[in-house]
Amino acid sequence: MLQYEFMQRAFLAGVLVALMTSLAGNFLVLKRFSQMGDSLSHTAIVGVAASLLFNFSPTIGAIISTVGFAIVLEYFKSKFKRFEEISLALVSITALGLASVLFGILKSSSNLMSFLFGSIVAIGNEDVWIIFAVCLVTVTFIAMFRKRLIFATFDEVSAKVSGINTKLLDFLLSIVSATIIAVSIKIVGGLLISSLIVFPTAIAMRFSKNFKMLQIVSLLVSLTAVIVGLTSSYYVDIPPGGATVLTFLVIFFIAELISMAGKRKTATISK
């Protein structure tokens, strides 16, 4: 399997994507922004459709589209402060509408499935380098603002009082997350990329007693799901996005069973 260059590229890109999405996903889920990943993934499809229509790099198109819509999303959030879900719905619906129009004009769906659900053969050398660059930016951003992000995530009011610009942090997190989603679209697809943001943190929350443990467990879960998903995609000839989501689902149920068993054991000991 790894003797083929396209699989080497797919695994390298997959590992980098797993790292990025787990790091950003920790903050997005805990800040209750998890639906933002789903909304922005729809905007990435708009960029892909535009790139196919005007003949330029789909990855670049997805980045431009997601970052642009992320800025629009932050504007809407400022207008609907008490109803932020309205902002997500507006962006998501608008993006899907634009995508359907662009694909209708394109009158070709030959590459559509690979962008919706991922493809192990769609990753080129250029994509790997772009993903690596975005991963470097993501890790740098998290490392630089980690303490402030954690503070603002768990106690936003106190963070504001202490002088932390929480609005700027949220804006930067949105831009970084948008870029991550854009470059990840070829691995798991635009419709399923939010699974890499939500599932790892949701699973890690069952076992983690502190934020550091949450980051470690979610990264391990993300890496496992991506590697199993890509391997399954190669041997069974199924989209890597779907295989990755099913792997997450299996891990989630196993985590639930372990958690339930642990609670029963604790209850028995306490008696």
C-alpha atoms as a PDB file:
ATOM      1  CA  MET A   1       0.000   0.000   0.000  1.00  0.00           C
ATOM      2  CA  LEU A   2       2.654   2.528   1.011  1.00  0.00           C
ATOM      3  CA  GLN A   3       4.779   1.640  -2.003  1.00  0.00           C
ATOM      4  CA  TYR A   4       2.474   3.873  -4.050  1.00  0.00           C
ATOM      5  CA  GLU A   5       3.229   7.585  -4.052  1.00  0.00           C
ATOM      6  CA  PHE A   6      -0.440   8.593  -3.972  1.00  0.00           C
ATOM      7  CA  MET A   7      -0.907   6.622  -0.736  1.00  0.00           C
ATOM      8  CA  GLN A   8       2.222   8.173   0.768  1.00  0.00           C
ATOM      9  CA  ARG A   9       0.801  11.602  -0.006  1.00  0.00           C
ATOM     10  CA  ALA A  10      -2.622  10.631   1.335  1.00  0.00           C
ATOM     11  CA  PHE A  11      -1.221   9.366   4.655  1.00  0.00           C
ATOM     12  CA  LEU A  12       1.103  12.341   5.110  1.00  0.00           C
ATOM     13  CA  ALA A  13      -1.720  14.764   4.380  1.00  0.00           C
ATOM     14  CA  GLY A  14      -4.086  12.744   6.583  1.00  0.00           C
ATOM     15  CA  VAL A  15      -1.772  12.869   9.599  1.00  0.00           C
ATOM     16  CA  LEU A  16      -1.334  16.631   9.215  1.00  0.00           C
ATOM     17  CA  VAL A  17      -5.085  17.132   8.838  1.00  0.00           C
ATOM     18  CA  ALA A  18      -5.738  14.990  11.938  1.00  0.00           C
ATOM     19  CA  LEU A  19      -3.320  17.150  13.933  1.00  0.00           C
ATOM     20  CA  MET A  20      -4.845  20.437  12.766  1.00  0.00           C
ATOM     21  CA  THR A  21      -8.485  19.491  13.174  1.00  0.00           C
ATOM     22  CA  SER A  22      -7.999  18.017  16.643  1.00  0.00           C
ATOM     23  CA  LEU A  23      -6.149  21.113  17.878  1.00  0.00           C
ATOM     24  CA  ALA A  24      -8.736  23.539  16.527  1.00  0.00           C
ATOM     25  CA  GLY A  25     -11.643  21.232  17.325  1.00  0.00           C
ATOM     26  CA  ASN A  26     -10.827  21.229  21.049  1.00  0.00           C
ATOM     27  CA  PHE A  27     -11.553  24.938  21.264  1.00  0.00           C
ATOM     28  CA  LEU A  28     -14.450  24.991  18.787  1.00  0.00           C
ATOM     29  CA  VAL A  29     -16.355  22.230  20.592  1.00  0.00           C
ATOM     30  CA  LEU A  30     -15.737  23.569  24.106  1.00  0.00           C
ATOM     31  CA  LYS A  31     -16.734  27.073  22.990  1.00  0.00           C
ATOM     32  CA  ARG A  32     -19.886  25.532  21.461  1.00  0.00           C
ATOM     33  CA  PHE A  33     -18.786  26.527  17.957  1.00  0.00           C
ATOM     34  CA  SER A  34     -18.843  22.960  16.626  1.00  0.00           C
ATOM     35  CA  GLN A  35     -21.574  23.736  14.077  1.00  0.00           C
ATOM     36  CA  MET A  36     -19.288  26.363  12.583  1.00  0.00           C
ATOM     37  CA  GLY A  37     -17.207  23.561  11.063  1.00  0.00           C
ATOM     38  CA  ASP A  38     -20.260  22.182   9.301  1.00  0.00           C
ATOM     39  CA  SER A  39     -21.256  25.600   7.952  1.00  0.00           C
ATOM     40  CA  LEU A  40     -17.764  26.463   6.735  1.00  0.00           C
ATOM     41  CA  SER A  41     -17.388  23.051   5.082  1.00  0.00           C
ATOM     42  CA  HIS A  42     -20.314  24.000   2.845  1.00  0.00           C
ATOM     43  CA  THR A  43     -18.546  27.223   1.910  1.00  0.00           C
ATOM     44  CA  ALA A  44     -15.483  25.223   0.864  1.00  0.00           C
ATOM     45  CA  ILE A  45     -17.630  23.483  -1.759  1.00  0.00           C
ATOM     46  CA  VAL A  46     -18.400  26.913  -3.239  1.00  0.00           C
ATOM     47  CA  GLY A  47     -14.679  27.555  -3.707  1.00  0.00           C
ATOM     48  CA  VAL A  48     -14.203  24.135  -5.304  1.00  0.00           C
ATOM     49  CA  ALA A  49     -17.074  24.744  -7.726  1.00  0.00           C
ATOM     50  CA  ALA A  50     -15.669  28.157  -8.657  1.00  0.00           C
ATOM     51  CA  SER A  51     -12.193  26.696  -9.206  1.00  0.00           C
ATOM     52  CA  LEU A  52     -13.541  24.008 -11.538  1.00  0.00           C
ATOM     53  CA  LEU A  53     -15.558  26.612 -13.422  1.00  0.00           C
ATOM     54  CA  PHE A  54     -12.675  29.070 -13.837  1.00  0.00           C
ATOM     55  CA  ASN A  55      -9.901  26.450 -14.037  1.00  0.00           C
ATOM     56  CA  PHE A  56      -7.650  27.116 -11.044  1.00  0.00           C
ATOM     57  CA  SER A  57      -6.553  25.132  -7.967  1.00  0.00           C
ATOM     58  CA  PRO A  58      -9.539  23.735  -5.998  1.00  0.00           C
ATOM     59  CA  THR A  59      -7.546  23.978  -2.764  1.00  0.00           C
ATOM     60  CA  ILE A  60      -6.838  27.673  -3.315  1.00  0.00           C
ATOM     61  CA  GLY A  61     -10.469  28.202  -4.270  1.00  0.00           C
ATOM     62  CA  ALA A  62     -11.637  26.483  -1.093  1.00  0.00           C
ATOM     63  CA  ILE A  63      -9.280  28.590   1.057  1.00  0.00           C
ATOM     64  CA  ILE A  64     -10.481  31.865  -0.474  1.00  0.00           C
ATOM     65  CA  SER A  65     -14.114  30.825  -0.103  1.00  0.00           C
ATOM     66  CA  THR A  66     -13.946  29.576   3.494  1.00  0.00           C
ATOM     67  CA  VAL A  67     -11.890  32.512   4.758  1.00  0.00           C
ATOM     68  CA  GLY A  68     -14.235  34.952   3.013  1.00  0.00           C
ATOM     69  CA  PHE A  69     -17.320  33.311   4.469  1.00  0.00           C
ATOM     70  CA  ALA A  70     -15.641  33.094   7.900  1.00  0.00           C
ATOM     71  CA  ILE A  71     -15.310  36.875   7.887  1.00  0.00           C
ATOM     72  CA  VAL A  72     -18.965  37.189   6.837  1.00  0.00           C
ATOM     73  CA  LEU A  73     -19.909  34.748   9.608  1.00  0.00           C
ATOM     74  CA  GLU A  74     -18.158  36.851  12.243  1.00  0.00           C
ATOM     75  CA  TYR A  75     -20.045  39.903  10.943  1.00  0.00           C
ATOM     76  CA  PHE A  76     -23.375  38.083  11.209  1.00  0.00           C
ATOM     77  CA  LYS A  77     -22.486  36.884  14.709  1.00  0.00           C
ATOM     78  CA  SER A  78     -21.978  40.496  15.778  1.00  0.00           C
ATOM     79  CA  LYS A  79     -25.443  41.340  14.434  1.00  0.00           C
ATOM     80  CA  PHE A  80     -27.194  38.341  16.002  1.00  0.00           C
ATOM     81  CA  LYS A  81     -25.374  38.180  19.330  1.00  0.00           C
ATOM     82  CA  ARG A  82     -28.133  36.321  21.157  1.00  0.00           C
ATOM     83  CA  PHE A  83     -28.958  34.036  18.228  1.00  0.00           C
ATOM     84  CA  GLU A  84     -25.627  32.952  16.763  1.00  0.00           C
ATOM     85  CA  GLU A  85     -27.186  29.828  15.222  1.00  0.00           C
ATOM     86  CA  ILE A  86     -28.968  32.177  12.787  1.00  0.00           C
ATOM     87  CA  SER A  87     -25.563  33.293  11.500  1.00  0.00           C
ATOM     88  CA  LEU A  88     -24.505  29.683  10.911  1.00  0.00           C
ATOM     89  CA  ALA A  89     -27.753  28.905   9.098  1.00  0.00           C
ATOM     90  CA  LEU A  90     -27.459  31.981   6.868  1.00  0.00           C
ATOM     91  CA  VAL A  91     -23.896  31.145   5.855  1.00  0.00           C
ATOM     92  CA  SER A  92     -24.613  27.446   5.324  1.00  0.00           C
ATOM     93  CA  ILE A  93     -27.747  27.981   3.221  1.00  0.00           C
ATOM     94  CA  THR A  94     -26.121  30.729   1.145  1.00  0.00           C
ATOM     95  CA  ALA A  95     -23.072  28.563   0.475  1.00  0.00           C
ATOM     96  CA  LEU A  96     -25.129  25.552  -0.605  1.00  0.00           C
ATOM     97  CA  GLY A  97     -27.228  27.773  -2.869  1.00  0.00           C
ATOM     98  CA  LEU A  98     -24.139  29.249  -4.528  1.00  0.00           C
ATOM     99  CA  ALA A  99     -22.544  25.824  -4.899  1.00  0.00           C
ATOM    100  CA  SER A 100     -25.631  24.377  -6.575  1.00  0.00           C
ATOM    101  CA  VAL A 101     -25.754  27.288  -9.031  1.00  0.00           C
ATOM    102  CA  LEU A 102     -22.044  27.003  -9.880  1.00  0.00           C
ATOM    103  CA  PHE A 103     -22.204  23.236 -10.367  1.00  0.00           C
ATOM    104  CA  GLY A 104     -25.305  23.757 -12.495  1.00  0.00           C
ATOM    105  CA  ILE A 105     -23.399  26.172 -14.733  1.00  0.00           C
ATOM    106  CA  LEU A 106     -20.456  23.779 -14.816  1.00  0.00           C
ATOM    107  CA  LYS A 107     -22.727  20.942 -16.057  1.00  0.00           C
ATOM    108  CA  SER A 108     -20.180  18.351 -14.988  1.00  0.00           C
ATOM    109  CA  SER A 109     -19.969  16.282 -11.826  1.00  0.00           C
ATOM    110  CA  SER A 110     -16.963  14.124 -12.691  1.00  0.00           C
ATOM    111  CA  ASN A 111     -14.950  15.388  -9.695  1.00  0.00           C
ATOM    112  CA  LEU A 112     -17.884  16.205  -7.440  1.00  0.00           C
ATOM    113  CA  MET A 113     -17.880  12.979  -5.395  1.00  0.00           C
ATOM    114  CA  SER A 114     -14.189  13.288  -4.522  1.00  0.00           C
ATOM    115  CA  PHE A 115     -14.745  16.787  -3.129  1.00  0.00           C
ATOM    116  CA  LEU A 116     -17.921  15.846  -1.266  1.00  0.00           C
ATOM    117  CA  PHE A 117     -16.636  12.627   0.336  1.00  0.00           C
ATOM    118  CA  GLY A 118     -12.856  12.681  -0.189  1.00  0.00           C
ATOM    119  CA  SER A 119     -10.506  10.711  -2.425  1.00  0.00           C
ATOM    120  CA  ILE A 120      -7.126   9.097  -1.750  1.00  0.00           C
ATOM    121  CA  VAL A 121      -5.982   9.734  -5.332  1.00  0.00           C
ATOM    122  CA  ALA A 122      -6.924  13.427  -5.340  1.00  0.00           C
ATOM    123  CA  ILE A 123      -3.983  14.538  -3.171  1.00  0.00           C
ATOM    124  CA  GLY A 124      -1.142  16.017  -5.202  1.00  0.00           C
ATOM    125  CA  ASN A 125       2.290  17.261  -4.157  1.00  0.00           C
ATOM    126  CA  GLU A 126       1.021  20.848  -4.199  1.00  0.00           C
ATOM    127  CA  ASP A 127      -1.800  19.898  -1.817  1.00  0.00           C
ATOM    128  CA  VAL A 128       0.632  18.263   0.613  1.00  0.00           C
ATOM    129  CA  TRP A 129       2.790  21.384   0.735  1.00  0.00           C
ATOM    130  CA  ILE A 130      -0.247  23.624   1.247  1.00  0.00           C
ATOM    131  CA  ILE A 131      -1.542  21.363   4.034  1.00  0.00           C
ATOM    132  CA  PHE A 132       1.910  21.371   5.652  1.00  0.00           C
ATOM    133  CA  ALA A 133       2.030  25.186   5.550  1.00  0.00           C
ATOM    134  CA  VAL A 134      -1.443  25.492   7.081  1.00  0.00           C
ATOM    135  CA  CYS A 135      -0.520  22.925   9.748  1.00  0.00           C
ATOM    136  CA  LEU A 136       2.571  24.959  10.634  1.00  0.00           C
ATOM    137  CA  VAL A 137       0.465  28.116  10.947  1.00  0.00           C
ATOM    138  CA  THR A 138      -2.124  26.268  13.060  1.00  0.00           C
ATOM    139  CA  VAL A 139       0.419  24.818  15.486  1.00  0.00           C
ATOM    140  CA  THR A 140       2.130  28.216  15.779  1.00  0.00           C
ATOM    141  CA  PHE A 141      -1.192  29.954  16.447  1.00  0.00           C
ATOM    142  CA  ILE A 142      -2.236  27.444  19.122  1.00  0.00           C
ATOM    143  CA  ALA A 143       1.209  27.573  20.756  1.00  0.00           C
ATOM    144  CA  MET A 144       1.272  31.383  20.849  1.00  0.00           C
ATOM    145  CA  PHE A 145      -2.266  31.887  22.149  1.00  0.00           C
ATOM    146  CA  ARG A 146      -2.835  28.617  24.037  1.00  0.00           C
ATOM    147  CA  LYS A 147      -3.164  30.091  27.538  1.00  0.00           C
ATOM    148  CA  ARG A 148      -5.397  32.933  26.360  1.00  0.00           C
ATOM    149  CA  LEU A 149      -7.534  30.566  24.290  1.00  0.00           C
ATOM    150  CA  ILE A 150      -7.997  28.218  27.254  1.00  0.00           C
ATOM    151  CA  PHE A 151      -8.830  31.118  29.581  1.00  0.00           C
ATOM    152  CA  ALA A 152     -11.357  32.575  27.117  1.00  0.00           C
ATOM    153  CA  THR A 153     -12.851  29.137  26.440  1.00  0.00           C
ATOM    154  CA  PHE A 154     -13.590  28.278  30.065  1.00  0.00           C
ATOM    155  CA  ASP A 155     -14.305  31.755  31.466  1.00  0.00           C
ATOM    156  CA  GLU A 156     -14.871  34.364  28.778  1.00  0.00           C
ATOM    157  CA  VAL A 157     -16.130  37.022  31.187  1.00  0.00           C
ATOM    158  CA  SER A 158     -13.025  36.839  33.383  1.00  0.00           C
ATOM    159  CA  ALA A 159     -10.847  36.778  30.272  1.00  0.00           C
ATOM    160  CA  LYS A 160     -12.398  40.042  29.091  1.00  0.00           C
ATOM    161  CA  VAL A 161     -11.948  41.620  32.523  1.00  0.00           C
ATOM    162  CA  SER A 162      -8.277  40.605  32.551  1.00  0.00           C
ATOM    163  CA  GLY A 163      -7.727  42.456  29.280  1.00  0.00           C
ATOM    164  CA  ILE A 164      -7.836  39.617  26.755  1.00  0.00           C
ATOM    165  CA  ASN A 165      -9.392  40.620  23.438  1.00  0.00           C
ATOM    166  CA  THR A 166     -11.780  37.676  23.152  1.00  0.00           C
ATOM    167  CA  LYS A 167     -13.387  38.994  19.955  1.00  0.00           C
ATOM    168  CA  LEU A 168     -10.011  39.058  18.220  1.00  0.00           C
ATOM    169  CA  LEU A 169      -9.221  35.555  19.487  1.00  0.00           C
ATOM    170  CA  ASP A 170     -12.551  34.250  18.179  1.00  0.00           C
ATOM    171  CA  PHE A 171     -11.945  35.942  14.836  1.00  0.00           C
ATOM    172  CA  LEU A 172      -8.450  34.463  14.488  1.00  0.00           C
ATOM    173  CA  LEU A 173      -9.737  31.028  15.519  1.00  0.00           C
ATOM    174  CA  SER A 174     -12.450  31.297  12.868  1.00  0.00           C
ATOM    175  CA  ILE A 175      -9.935  32.206  10.152  1.00  0.00           C
ATOM    176  CA  VAL A 176      -7.554  29.399  11.137  1.00  0.00           C
ATOM    177  CA  SER A 177     -10.430  26.906  11.308  1.00  0.00           C
ATOM    178  CA  ALA A 178     -11.714  28.020   7.913  1.00  0.00           C
ATOM    179  CA  THR A 179      -8.300  27.465   6.356  1.00  0.00           C
ATOM    180  CA  ILE A 180      -8.009  24.025   7.980  1.00  0.00           C
ATOM    181  CA  ILE A 181     -11.398  23.011   6.600  1.00  0.00           C
ATOM    182  CA  ALA A 182     -10.463  24.237   3.131  1.00  0.00           C
ATOM    183  CA  VAL A 183      -7.247  22.233   2.864  1.00  0.00           C
ATOM    184  CA  SER A 184      -8.834  19.120   4.397  1.00  0.00           C
ATOM    185  CA  ILE A 185     -11.610  18.812   1.845  1.00  0.00           C
ATOM    186  CA  LYS A 186      -9.747  16.373  -0.415  1.00  0.00           C
ATOM    187  CA  ILE A 187      -9.079  13.979   2.467  1.00  0.00           C
ATOM    188  CA  VAL A 188     -12.560  13.545   3.948  1.00  0.00           C
ATOM    189  CA  GLY A 189     -14.745  15.670   1.693  1.00  0.00           C
ATOM    190  CA  GLY A 190     -16.667  18.879   2.185  1.00  0.00           C
ATOM    191  CA  LEU A 191     -19.764  17.212   3.635  1.00  0.00           C
ATOM    192  CA  LEU A 192     -17.892  15.216   6.281  1.00  0.00           C
ATOM    193  CA  ILE A 193     -14.997  17.449   7.362  1.00  0.00           C
ATOM    194  CA  SER A 194     -16.883  18.562  10.483  1.00  0.00           C
ATOM    195  CA  SER A 195     -16.576  14.982  11.796  1.00  0.00           C
ATOM    196  CA  LEU A 196     -12.838  15.574  12.278  1.00  0.00           C
ATOM    197  CA  ILE A 197     -13.630  18.642  14.356  1.00  0.00           C
ATOM    198  CA  VAL A 198     -16.413  17.239  16.547  1.00  0.00           C
ATOM    199  CA  PHE A 199     -15.805  13.504  17.061  1.00  0.00           C
ATOM    200  CA  PRO A 200     -12.246  13.548  18.532  1.00  0.00           C
ATOM    201  CA  THR A 201     -13.093  16.094  21.217  1.00  0.00           C
ATOM    202  CA  ALA A 202     -16.473  14.503  21.959  1.00  0.00           C
ATOM    203  CA  ILE A 203     -14.775  11.136  22.494  1.00  0.00           C
ATOM    204  CA  ALA A 204     -11.861  12.595  24.470  1.00  0.00           C
ATOM    205  CA  MET A 205     -14.256  14.357  26.846  1.00  0.00           C
ATOM    206  CA  ARG A 206     -15.329  10.941  28.140  1.00  0.00           C
ATOM    207  CA  PHE A 207     -11.860  10.217  29.543  1.00  0.00           C
ATOM    208  CA  SER A 208     -10.076  13.531  30.065  1.00  0.00           C
ATOM    209  CA  LYS A 209      -9.731  15.167  33.471  1.00  0.00           C
ATOM    210  CA  ASN A 210      -7.928  18.251  32.197  1.00  0.00           C
ATOM    211  CA  PHE A 211      -7.410  20.156  28.965  1.00  0.00           C
ATOM    212  CA  LYS A 212      -3.942  18.742  28.305  1.00  0.00           C
ATOM    213  CA  MET A 213      -5.281  15.193  28.472  1.00  0.00           C
ATOM    214  CA  LEU A 214      -8.173  16.243  26.231  1.00  0.00           C
ATOM    215  CA  GLN A 215      -5.723  17.437  23.577  1.00  0.00           C
ATOM    216  CA  ILE A 216      -3.670  14.237  23.714  1.00  0.00           C
ATOM    217  CA  VAL A 217      -6.633  11.842  23.620  1.00  0.00           C
ATOM    218  CA  SER A 218      -8.426  13.742  20.856  1.00  0.00           C
ATOM    219  CA  LEU A 219      -5.258  13.748  18.734  1.00  0.00           C
ATOM    220  CA  LEU A 220      -4.808   9.989  19.179  1.00  0.00           C
ATOM    221  CA  VAL A 221      -8.461   9.392  18.284  1.00  0.00           C
ATOM    222  CA  SER A 222      -8.196  11.625  15.223  1.00  0.00           C
ATOM    223  CA  LEU A 223      -5.011   9.938  13.998  1.00  0.00           C
ATOM    224  CA  THR A 224      -6.514   6.480  14.496  1.00  0.00           C
ATOM    225  CA  ALA A 225      -9.694   7.312  12.597  1.00  0.00           C
ATOM    226  CA  VAL A 226      -7.882   8.947   9.678  1.00  0.00           C
ATOM    227  CA  ILE A 227      -5.347   6.118   9.314  1.00  0.00           C
ATOM    228  CA  VAL A 228      -8.045   3.428   9.506  1.00  0.00           C
ATOM    229  CA  GLY A 229     -10.233   5.429   7.126  1.00  0.00           C
ATOM    230  CA  LEU A 230      -7.493   5.813   4.510  1.00  0.00           C
ATOM    231  CA  THR A 231      -6.496   2.149   4.823  1.00  0.00           C
ATOM    232  CA  SER A 232     -10.114   1.036   4.420  1.00  0.00           C
ATOM    233  CA  SER A 233     -10.503   3.345   1.453  1.00  0.00           C
ATOM    234  CA  TYR A 234      -7.556   1.670  -0.276  1.00  0.00           C
ATOM    235  CA  TYR A 235      -8.490  -1.954   0.386  1.00  0.00           C
ATOM    236  CA  VAL A 236     -12.294  -1.757   0.192  1.00  0.00           C
ATOM    237  CA  ASP A 237     -12.473   0.995  -2.456  1.00  0.00           C
ATOM    238  CA  ILE A 238     -14.787   3.329  -0.551  1.00  0.00           C
ATOM    239  CA  PRO A 239     -14.566   7.115  -0.001  1.00  0.00           C
ATOM    240  CA  PRO A 240     -12.084   7.924   2.800  1.00  0.00           C
ATOM    241  CA  GLY A 241     -14.480  10.447   4.318  1.00  0.00           C
ATOM    242  CA  GLY A 242     -17.195   7.876   4.911  1.00  0.00           C
ATOM    243  CA  ALA A 243     -14.693   5.305   6.184  1.00  0.00           C
ATOM    244  CA  THR A 244     -13.260   7.848   8.622  1.00  0.00           C
ATOM    245  CA  VAL A 245     -16.694   8.803   9.965  1.00  0.00           C
ATOM    246  CA  LEU A 246     -17.626   5.137  10.491  1.00  0.00           C
ATOM    247  CA  THR A 247     -14.332   4.612  12.333  1.00  0.00           C
ATOM    248  CA  PHE A 248     -15.127   7.573  14.575  1.00  0.00           C
ATOM    249  CA  LEU A 249     -18.557   6.082  15.240  1.00  0.00           C
ATOM    250  CA  VAL A 250     -17.065   2.727  16.278  1.00  0.00           C
ATOM    251  CA  ILE A 251     -14.542   4.447  18.566  1.00  0.00           C
ATOM    252  CA  PHE A 252     -17.340   6.571  20.042  1.00  0.00           C
ATOM    253  CA  PHE A 253     -19.450   3.526  20.927  1.00  0.00           C
ATOM    254  CA  ILE A 254     -16.423   1.731  22.393  1.00  0.00           C
ATOM    255  CA  ALA A 255     -15.664   4.835  24.464  1.00  0.00           C
ATOM    256  CA  GLU A 256     -19.268   4.909  25.696  1.00  0.00           C
ATOM    257  CA  LEU A 257     -19.119   1.244  26.715  1.00  0.00           C
ATOM    258  CA  ILE A 258     -15.827   1.767  28.561  1.00  0.00           C
ATOM    259  CA  SER A 259     -17.222   4.867  30.260  1.00  0.00           C
ATOM    260  CA  MET A 260     -20.378   3.019  31.346  1.00  0.00           C
ATOM    261  CA  ALA A 261     -18.324   0.086  32.649  1.00  0.00           C
ATOM    262  CA  GLY A 262     -16.100   2.479  34.571  1.00  0.00           C
ATOM    263  CA  LYS A 263     -19.106   4.114  36.215  1.00  0.00           C
ATOM    264  CA  ARG A 264     -20.527   0.759  37.261  1.00  0.00           C
ATOM    265  CA  LYS A 265     -17.159  -0.263  38.672  1.00  0.00           C
ATOM    266  CA  THR A 266     -16.828   2.978  40.599  1.00  0.00           C
ATOM    267  CA  ALA A 267     -20.334   2.580  41.980  1.00  0.00           C
ATOM    268  CA  THR A 268     -19.503  -0.926  43.171  1.00  0.00           C
ATOM    269  CA  ILE A 269     -16.285   0.170  44.875  1.00  0.00           C
ATOM    270  CA  SER A 270     -17.956   3.117  46.598  1.00  0.00           C
ATOM    271  CA  LYS A 271     -20.380   0.769  48.245  1.00  0.00           C
END
